[in-house]
């Protein structure tokens, strides 16, 4: 008895990825993430960062390296808010607590 030809949809479905456990990929990626301890700034590092912080202005384009949830993140963008009272630096939509900032690089300075 001759076999009936399989439709293209059914043939393609054979090669679609199969996920036996929903959310497994996300769980594995989270497990792969390496967390690091927050770096305690030395007196010299703190003084250098303090000098840079005094130069930050709303509208400046900066790169900020900061600690968040066990990792260091490097974010470049326009300063939307710099609040010395609340001790918050906001780059576009990301709010960063002053205590979590490791370094700042000014990207809009002309040498």
C-alpha atoms as a PDB file:
ATOM      1  CA  UNK A   1       0.000   0.000   0.000  1.00  0.00           C
ATOM      2  CA  UNK A   2       1.527   3.315  -1.055  1.00  0.00           C
ATOM      3  CA  UNK A   3       2.127   5.946   1.625  1.00  0.00           C
ATOM      4  CA  UNK A   4       0.240   9.145   1.501  1.00  0.00           C
ATOM      5  CA  UNK A   5       2.464  12.216   1.120  1.00  0.00           C
ATOM      6  CA  UNK A   6       2.771  14.302   4.264  1.00  0.00           C
ATOM      7  CA  UNK A   7       1.716  17.931   3.985  1.00  0.00           C
ATOM      8  CA  UNK A   8       4.427  20.594   4.165  1.00  0.00           C
ATOM      9  CA  UNK A   9       3.000  21.907   7.462  1.00  0.00           C
ATOM     10  CA  UNK A  10       3.270  18.516   9.112  1.00  0.00           C
ATOM     11  CA  UNK A  11       6.759  17.974   7.729  1.00  0.00           C
ATOM     12  CA  UNK A  12       7.913  21.362   9.010  1.00  0.00           C
ATOM     13  CA  UNK A  13       6.395  20.678  12.437  1.00  0.00           C
ATOM     14  CA  UNK A  14       8.753  17.721  12.848  1.00  0.00           C
ATOM     15  CA  UNK A  15      11.685  20.111  12.927  1.00  0.00           C
ATOM     16  CA  UNK A  16      10.267  22.722  15.293  1.00  0.00           C
ATOM     17  CA  UNK A  17      12.092  22.973  18.628  1.00  0.00           C
ATOM     18  CA  UNK A  18      10.488  20.942  21.353  1.00  0.00           C
ATOM     19  CA  UNK A  19      10.450  22.231  24.914  1.00  0.00           C
ATOM     20  CA  UNK A  20       9.601  19.448  27.349  1.00  0.00           C
ATOM     21  CA  UNK A  21       9.649  21.738  30.394  1.00  0.00           C
ATOM     22  CA  UNK A  22       8.239  25.225  29.984  1.00  0.00           C
ATOM     23  CA  UNK A  23      10.668  27.871  31.252  1.00  0.00           C
ATOM     24  CA  UNK A  24      13.671  25.536  31.267  1.00  0.00           C
ATOM     25  CA  UNK A  25      15.714  27.755  28.932  1.00  0.00           C
ATOM     26  CA  UNK A  26      15.204  30.797  31.164  1.00  0.00           C
ATOM     27  CA  UNK A  27      16.066  28.826  34.289  1.00  0.00           C
ATOM     28  CA  UNK A  28      19.270  27.525  32.709  1.00  0.00           C
ATOM     29  CA  UNK A  29      20.308  31.014  31.589  1.00  0.00           C
ATOM     30  CA  UNK A  30      19.691  32.342  35.105  1.00  0.00           C
ATOM     31  CA  UNK A  31      21.754  29.516  36.550  1.00  0.00           C
ATOM     32  CA  UNK A  32      24.614  30.303  34.134  1.00  0.00           C
ATOM     33  CA  UNK A  33      24.770  33.908  35.330  1.00  0.00           C
ATOM     34  CA  UNK A  34      27.849  34.506  37.453  1.00  0.00           C
ATOM     35  CA  UNK A  35      27.287  36.891  40.317  1.00  0.00           C
ATOM     36  CA  UNK A  36      30.054  39.007  41.780  1.00  0.00           C
ATOM     37  CA  UNK A  37      30.519  40.832  45.042  1.00  0.00           C
ATOM     38  CA  UNK A  38      30.277  44.596  45.097  1.00  0.00           C
ATOM     39  CA  UNK A  39      33.672  46.316  44.974  1.00  0.00           C
ATOM     40  CA  UNK A  40      34.478  48.517  47.940  1.00  0.00           C
ATOM     41  CA  UNK A  41      36.047  51.733  46.635  1.00  0.00           C
ATOM     42  CA  UNK A  42      39.438  52.743  47.960  1.00  0.00           C
ATOM     43  CA  UNK A  43      39.873  56.318  49.197  1.00  0.00           C
ATOM     44  CA  UNK A  44      41.570  57.290  45.901  1.00  0.00           C
ATOM     45  CA  UNK A  45      38.832  55.675  43.798  1.00  0.00           C
ATOM     46  CA  UNK A  46      36.148  57.392  45.864  1.00  0.00           C
ATOM     47  CA  UNK A  47      37.817  60.820  45.463  1.00  0.00           C
ATOM     48  CA  UNK A  48      38.159  60.350  41.687  1.00  0.00           C
ATOM     49  CA  UNK A  49      34.518  59.289  41.377  1.00  0.00           C
ATOM     50  CA  UNK A  50      33.446  62.245  43.550  1.00  0.00           C
ATOM     51  CA  UNK A  51      35.229  64.659  41.172  1.00  0.00           C
ATOM     52  CA  UNK A  52      33.452  63.108  38.201  1.00  0.00           C
ATOM     53  CA  UNK A  53      30.081  63.184  39.965  1.00  0.00           C
ATOM     54  CA  UNK A  54      30.423  66.947  40.459  1.00  0.00           C
ATOM     55  CA  UNK A  55      30.776  67.344  36.670  1.00  0.00           C
ATOM     56  CA  UNK A  56      27.607  65.392  35.768  1.00  0.00           C
ATOM     57  CA  UNK A  57      24.860  67.580  34.342  1.00  0.00           C
ATOM     58  CA  UNK A  58      21.406  66.850  33.002  1.00  0.00           C
ATOM     59  CA  UNK A  59      21.722  66.316  29.241  1.00  0.00           C
ATOM     60  CA  UNK A  60      25.311  65.044  29.432  1.00  0.00           C
ATOM     61  CA  UNK A  61      26.117  61.849  27.571  1.00  0.00           C
ATOM     62  CA  UNK A  62      27.937  59.510  29.923  1.00  0.00           C
ATOM     63  CA  UNK A  63      28.877  55.882  30.390  1.00  0.00           C
ATOM     64  CA  UNK A  64      28.204  54.640  33.904  1.00  0.00           C
ATOM     65  CA  UNK A  65      29.453  51.379  35.363  1.00  0.00           C
ATOM     66  CA  UNK A  66      27.286  50.367  38.292  1.00  0.00           C
ATOM     67  CA  UNK A  67      26.421  47.397  40.488  1.00  0.00           C
ATOM     68  CA  UNK A  68      22.963  45.832  40.171  1.00  0.00           C
ATOM     69  CA  UNK A  69      21.681  42.426  41.319  1.00  0.00           C
ATOM     70  CA  UNK A  70      25.072  40.765  41.659  1.00  0.00           C
ATOM     71  CA  UNK A  71      26.646  42.055  38.452  1.00  0.00           C
ATOM     72  CA  UNK A  72      28.285  45.167  37.033  1.00  0.00           C
ATOM     73  CA  UNK A  73      26.463  46.881  34.191  1.00  0.00           C
ATOM     74  CA  UNK A  74      27.888  49.384  31.730  1.00  0.00           C
ATOM     75  CA  UNK A  75      25.245  51.844  30.511  1.00  0.00           C
ATOM     76  CA  UNK A  76      25.715  54.711  28.052  1.00  0.00           C
ATOM     77  CA  UNK A  77      23.109  57.402  27.546  1.00  0.00           C
ATOM     78  CA  UNK A  78      21.854  60.890  28.281  1.00  0.00           C
ATOM     79  CA  UNK A  79      21.542  61.986  31.892  1.00  0.00           C
ATOM     80  CA  UNK A  80      17.834  62.588  32.494  1.00  0.00           C
ATOM     81  CA  UNK A  81      18.137  63.354  36.211  1.00  0.00           C
ATOM     82  CA  UNK A  82      20.900  63.975  38.737  1.00  0.00           C
ATOM     83  CA  UNK A  83      19.462  64.306  42.238  1.00  0.00           C
ATOM     84  CA  UNK A  84      22.007  64.939  44.990  1.00  0.00           C
ATOM     85  CA  UNK A  85      19.346  64.916  47.717  1.00  0.00           C
ATOM     86  CA  UNK A  86      17.879  61.525  46.740  1.00  0.00           C
ATOM     87  CA  UNK A  87      21.348  60.386  45.599  1.00  0.00           C
ATOM     88  CA  UNK A  88      20.009  59.099  42.285  1.00  0.00           C
ATOM     89  CA  UNK A  89      21.478  59.322  38.799  1.00  0.00           C
ATOM     90  CA  UNK A  90      19.029  58.585  36.000  1.00  0.00           C
ATOM     91  CA  UNK A  91      20.310  57.716  32.544  1.00  0.00           C
ATOM     92  CA  UNK A  92      17.355  57.708  30.147  1.00  0.00           C
ATOM     93  CA  UNK A  93      14.890  55.457  32.100  1.00  0.00           C
ATOM     94  CA  UNK A  94      17.400  53.682  34.370  1.00  0.00           C
ATOM     95  CA  UNK A  95      17.725  54.982  37.935  1.00  0.00           C
ATOM     96  CA  UNK A  96      21.055  54.305  39.641  1.00  0.00           C
ATOM     97  CA  UNK A  97      21.744  54.812  43.327  1.00  0.00           C
ATOM     98  CA  UNK A  98      24.944  56.809  43.925  1.00  0.00           C
ATOM     99  CA  UNK A  99      26.244  54.066  46.248  1.00  0.00           C
ATOM    100  CA  UNK A 100      26.219  51.550  43.383  1.00  0.00           C
ATOM    101  CA  UNK A 101      28.265  53.622  40.917  1.00  0.00           C
ATOM    102  CA  UNK A 102      31.769  52.347  40.231  1.00  0.00           C
ATOM    103  CA  UNK A 103      32.849  54.736  37.474  1.00  0.00           C
ATOM    104  CA  UNK A 104      31.661  57.425  35.066  1.00  0.00           C
ATOM    105  CA  UNK A 105      33.092  58.293  31.668  1.00  0.00           C
ATOM    106  CA  UNK A 106      32.023  61.455  29.851  1.00  0.00           C
ATOM    107  CA  UNK A 107      31.252  60.754  26.181  1.00  0.00           C
ATOM    108  CA  UNK A 108      30.319  64.261  25.036  1.00  0.00           C
ATOM    109  CA  UNK A 109      33.587  65.981  25.920  1.00  0.00           C
ATOM    110  CA  UNK A 110      35.630  67.349  23.035  1.00  0.00           C
ATOM    111  CA  UNK A 111      39.396  67.002  23.562  1.00  0.00           C
END
